[in-house]
Amino acid sequence: MNMTGGIDLVGWIAIWGAIAIGTAGLGGILAGIKNRDYSFWIAWCLILPPMLIFLALLPRRTGERPRRPSLDEQERHW
């Protein structure tokens, strides 16, 4: 708080950080429920919290959850 009783810049950054971490966690949970790549959605919801709304609007995927290949599997293609 600054002298006038408002929140200063550091306070706003702390609030944004808490919101970003919260939406990242919710994005990971929601991506798991919707059968999506959770690490992709955790990262995007951390960087840009409104992406959680976009994820909520996406339909649930059918079939297996998408899986990223490991580094060893990626190197075999070269």
N, C-alpha and C. Protein backbone atom coordinates (compact mmCIF):
# COMPACT_ATOMS: atom_id res chain seq x y z
N MET A 1 0.84 -1.18 0.00
CA MET A 1 0.00 0.00 0.00
C MET A 1 0.89 1.24 0.00
N ASN A 2 0.46 2.22 -0.75
CA ASN A 2 1.20 3.47 -0.72
C ASN A 2 0.58 4.42 0.29
N MET A 3 1.08 5.62 0.34
CA MET A 3 0.64 6.59 1.36
C MET A 3 -0.82 6.99 1.20
N THR A 4 -1.36 6.93 0.00
CA THR A 4 -2.74 7.37 -0.21
C THR A 4 -3.74 6.25 0.04
N GLY A 5 -3.28 5.07 0.36
CA GLY A 5 -4.18 3.96 0.67
C GLY A 5 -4.45 3.03 -0.50
N GLY A 6 -3.93 3.35 -1.69
CA GLY A 6 -4.11 2.50 -2.86
C GLY A 6 -3.02 1.44 -2.94
N ILE A 7 -3.13 0.61 -3.93
CA ILE A 7 -2.12 -0.44 -4.14
C ILE A 7 -1.08 0.09 -5.12
N ASP A 8 0.20 -0.04 -4.76
CA ASP A 8 1.25 0.43 -5.65
C ASP A 8 1.55 -0.63 -6.71
N LEU A 9 2.51 -0.33 -7.57
CA LEU A 9 2.84 -1.20 -8.69
C LEU A 9 3.27 -2.59 -8.23
N VAL A 10 4.05 -2.66 -7.18
CA VAL A 10 4.51 -3.96 -6.67
C VAL A 10 3.32 -4.80 -6.19
N GLY A 11 2.34 -4.15 -5.60
CA GLY A 11 1.14 -4.86 -5.17
C GLY A 11 0.35 -5.42 -6.35
N TRP A 12 0.24 -4.62 -7.43
CA TRP A 12 -0.47 -5.11 -8.62
C TRP A 12 0.27 -6.29 -9.26
N ILE A 13 1.59 -6.23 -9.28
CA ILE A 13 2.37 -7.34 -9.84
C ILE A 13 2.17 -8.60 -8.99
N ALA A 14 2.13 -8.45 -7.69
CA ALA A 14 1.90 -9.60 -6.81
C ALA A 14 0.50 -10.18 -7.01
N ILE A 15 -0.48 -9.31 -7.18
CA ILE A 15 -1.85 -9.79 -7.43
C ILE A 15 -1.92 -10.53 -8.76
N TRP A 16 -1.30 -9.95 -9.82
CA TRP A 16 -1.29 -10.60 -11.12
C TRP A 16 -0.58 -11.96 -11.04
N GLY A 17 0.52 -12.02 -10.31
CA GLY A 17 1.25 -13.29 -10.16
C GLY A 17 0.41 -14.35 -9.47
N ALA A 18 -0.32 -13.97 -8.44
CA ALA A 18 -1.19 -14.93 -7.75
C ALA A 18 -2.30 -15.41 -8.68
N ILE A 19 -2.88 -14.50 -9.44
CA ILE A 19 -3.93 -14.88 -10.39
C ILE A 19 -3.36 -15.80 -11.46
N ALA A 20 -2.16 -15.49 -11.97
CA ALA A 20 -1.54 -16.31 -13.01
C ALA A 20 -1.25 -17.73 -12.50
N ILE A 21 -0.74 -17.85 -11.29
CA ILE A 21 -0.45 -19.18 -10.73
C ILE A 21 -1.76 -19.95 -10.51
N GLY A 22 -2.79 -19.26 -10.03
CA GLY A 22 -4.08 -19.91 -9.83
C GLY A 22 -4.71 -20.39 -11.13
N THR A 23 -4.66 -19.54 -12.17
CA THR A 23 -5.24 -19.96 -13.45
C THR A 23 -4.42 -21.07 -14.09
N ALA A 24 -3.11 -21.08 -13.86
CA ALA A 24 -2.28 -22.17 -14.39
C ALA A 24 -2.70 -23.51 -13.76
N GLY A 25 -2.91 -23.50 -12.46
CA GLY A 25 -3.37 -24.73 -11.80
C GLY A 25 -4.74 -25.17 -12.27
N LEU A 26 -5.66 -24.22 -12.37
CA LEU A 26 -7.00 -24.55 -12.88
C LEU A 26 -6.95 -24.98 -14.34
N GLY A 27 -6.06 -24.36 -15.13
CA GLY A 27 -5.91 -24.75 -16.53
C GLY A 27 -5.42 -26.18 -16.67
N GLY A 28 -4.49 -26.59 -15.81
CA GLY A 28 -4.01 -27.97 -15.84
C GLY A 28 -5.10 -28.96 -15.47
N ILE A 29 -5.88 -28.63 -14.46
CA ILE A 29 -6.99 -29.51 -14.05
C ILE A 29 -8.04 -29.59 -15.15
N LEU A 30 -8.41 -28.43 -15.70
CA LEU A 30 -9.43 -28.40 -16.75
C LEU A 30 -8.96 -29.09 -18.02
N ALA A 31 -7.67 -28.93 -18.36
CA ALA A 31 -7.13 -29.62 -19.54
C ALA A 31 -7.17 -31.14 -19.34
N GLY A 32 -6.89 -31.60 -18.13
CA GLY A 32 -6.99 -33.03 -17.86
C GLY A 32 -8.41 -33.54 -17.99
N ILE A 33 -9.36 -32.77 -17.52
CA ILE A 33 -10.78 -33.15 -17.63
C ILE A 33 -11.21 -33.17 -19.09
N LYS A 34 -10.72 -32.21 -19.88
CA LYS A 34 -11.11 -32.11 -21.29
C LYS A 34 -10.23 -32.95 -22.20
N ASN A 35 -9.34 -33.76 -21.64
CA ASN A 35 -8.49 -34.68 -22.38
C ASN A 35 -7.56 -33.93 -23.34
N ARG A 36 -6.96 -32.87 -22.85
CA ARG A 36 -6.04 -32.06 -23.65
C ARG A 36 -4.64 -32.15 -23.04
N ASP A 37 -3.65 -31.64 -23.76
CA ASP A 37 -2.26 -31.63 -23.29
C ASP A 37 -2.14 -30.63 -22.14
N TYR A 38 -2.03 -31.14 -20.92
CA TYR A 38 -2.08 -30.26 -19.76
C TYR A 38 -0.87 -29.36 -19.63
N SER A 39 0.32 -29.81 -20.03
CA SER A 39 1.50 -28.95 -19.89
C SER A 39 1.40 -27.73 -20.82
N PHE A 40 0.84 -27.91 -21.99
CA PHE A 40 0.64 -26.80 -22.92
C PHE A 40 -0.30 -25.76 -22.32
N TRP A 41 -1.40 -26.24 -21.74
CA TRP A 41 -2.40 -25.32 -21.19
C TRP A 41 -1.96 -24.69 -19.88
N ILE A 42 -1.17 -25.40 -19.08
CA ILE A 42 -0.62 -24.79 -17.86
C ILE A 42 0.27 -23.62 -18.24
N ALA A 43 1.12 -23.82 -19.24
CA ALA A 43 2.04 -22.76 -19.65
C ALA A 43 1.28 -21.55 -20.20
N TRP A 44 0.30 -21.79 -21.05
CA TRP A 44 -0.44 -20.66 -21.63
C TRP A 44 -1.28 -19.93 -20.58
N CYS A 45 -1.86 -20.66 -19.65
CA CYS A 45 -2.66 -20.00 -18.61
C CYS A 45 -1.77 -19.24 -17.63
N LEU A 46 -0.52 -19.65 -17.46
CA LEU A 46 0.40 -18.92 -16.61
C LEU A 46 0.82 -17.61 -17.28
N ILE A 47 1.11 -17.66 -18.58
CA ILE A 47 1.53 -16.48 -19.31
C ILE A 47 0.38 -15.51 -19.54
N LEU A 48 -0.76 -16.07 -19.93
CA LEU A 48 -1.92 -15.25 -20.29
C LEU A 48 -3.16 -15.83 -19.62
N PRO A 49 -3.48 -15.41 -18.39
CA PRO A 49 -4.58 -16.01 -17.63
C PRO A 49 -5.94 -16.09 -18.34
N PRO A 50 -6.32 -15.15 -19.24
CA PRO A 50 -7.61 -15.30 -19.91
C PRO A 50 -7.71 -16.53 -20.83
N MET A 51 -6.59 -17.19 -21.09
CA MET A 51 -6.65 -18.42 -21.90
C MET A 51 -7.47 -19.50 -21.20
N LEU A 52 -7.67 -19.38 -19.89
CA LEU A 52 -8.50 -20.32 -19.16
C LEU A 52 -9.94 -20.28 -19.69
N ILE A 53 -10.41 -19.10 -20.03
CA ILE A 53 -11.77 -18.96 -20.59
C ILE A 53 -11.84 -19.67 -21.93
N PHE A 54 -10.81 -19.49 -22.77
CA PHE A 54 -10.78 -20.16 -24.07
C PHE A 54 -10.77 -21.68 -23.89
N LEU A 55 -9.98 -22.18 -22.95
CA LEU A 55 -9.94 -23.62 -22.69
C LEU A 55 -11.29 -24.13 -22.22
N ALA A 56 -11.97 -23.35 -21.40
CA ALA A 56 -13.29 -23.77 -20.91
C ALA A 56 -14.30 -23.87 -22.03
N LEU A 57 -14.14 -23.07 -23.08
CA LEU A 57 -15.07 -23.10 -24.20
C LEU A 57 -14.78 -24.22 -25.20
N LEU A 58 -13.58 -24.79 -25.16
CA LEU A 58 -13.24 -25.87 -26.09
C LEU A 58 -14.00 -27.14 -25.73
N PRO A 59 -14.38 -27.94 -26.73
CA PRO A 59 -15.04 -29.21 -26.43
C PRO A 59 -14.05 -30.25 -25.91
N ARG A 60 -14.58 -31.28 -25.29
CA ARG A 60 -13.74 -32.36 -24.77
C ARG A 60 -13.27 -33.22 -25.94
N ARG A 61 -11.99 -33.59 -25.92
CA ARG A 61 -11.44 -34.46 -26.97
C ARG A 61 -11.81 -35.91 -26.70
N THR A 62 -12.07 -36.64 -27.75
CA THR A 62 -12.32 -38.08 -27.60
C THR A 62 -11.03 -38.82 -27.93
N GLY A 63 -10.92 -40.02 -27.47
CA GLY A 63 -9.73 -40.82 -27.72
C GLY A 63 -8.67 -40.58 -26.66
N GLU A 64 -7.44 -40.95 -27.01
CA GLU A 64 -6.33 -40.82 -26.06
C GLU A 64 -5.90 -39.37 -25.91
N ARG A 65 -5.37 -39.06 -24.75
CA ARG A 65 -4.82 -37.73 -24.50
C ARG A 65 -3.56 -37.58 -25.35
N PRO A 66 -3.36 -36.42 -26.00
CA PRO A 66 -2.15 -36.23 -26.79
C PRO A 66 -0.91 -36.32 -25.91
N ARG A 67 0.10 -36.97 -26.43
CA ARG A 67 1.33 -37.18 -25.67
C ARG A 67 2.50 -36.60 -26.45
N ARG A 68 3.32 -35.84 -25.76
CA ARG A 68 4.51 -35.30 -26.40
C ARG A 68 5.59 -36.37 -26.40
N PRO A 69 6.29 -36.54 -27.53
CA PRO A 69 7.37 -37.52 -27.54
C PRO A 69 8.53 -37.07 -26.65
N SER A 70 9.22 -38.05 -26.09
CA SER A 70 10.38 -37.72 -25.25
C SER A 70 11.53 -37.24 -26.15
N LEU A 71 12.58 -36.73 -25.54
CA LEU A 71 13.73 -36.26 -26.32
C LEU A 71 14.38 -37.40 -27.09
N ASP A 72 14.42 -38.59 -26.50
CA ASP A 72 15.00 -39.74 -27.19
C ASP A 72 14.19 -40.10 -28.43
N GLU A 73 12.87 -40.05 -28.31
CA GLU A 73 12.01 -40.36 -29.47
C GLU A 73 12.14 -39.30 -30.55
N GLN A 74 12.34 -38.04 -30.17
CA GLN A 74 12.51 -36.99 -31.17
C GLN A 74 13.83 -37.12 -31.91
N GLU A 75 14.87 -37.57 -31.23
CA GLU A 75 16.18 -37.70 -31.86
C GLU A 75 16.23 -38.86 -32.84
N ARG A 76 15.39 -39.83 -32.68
CA ARG A 76 15.38 -40.98 -33.60
C ARG A 76 14.91 -40.60 -34.99
N HIS A 77 14.18 -39.50 -35.10
CA HIS A 77 13.67 -39.08 -36.41
C HIS A 77 14.75 -38.42 -37.25
N TRP A 78 15.86 -38.03 -36.65
CA TRP A 78 16.92 -37.39 -37.40
C TRP A 78 17.80 -38.44 -37.94
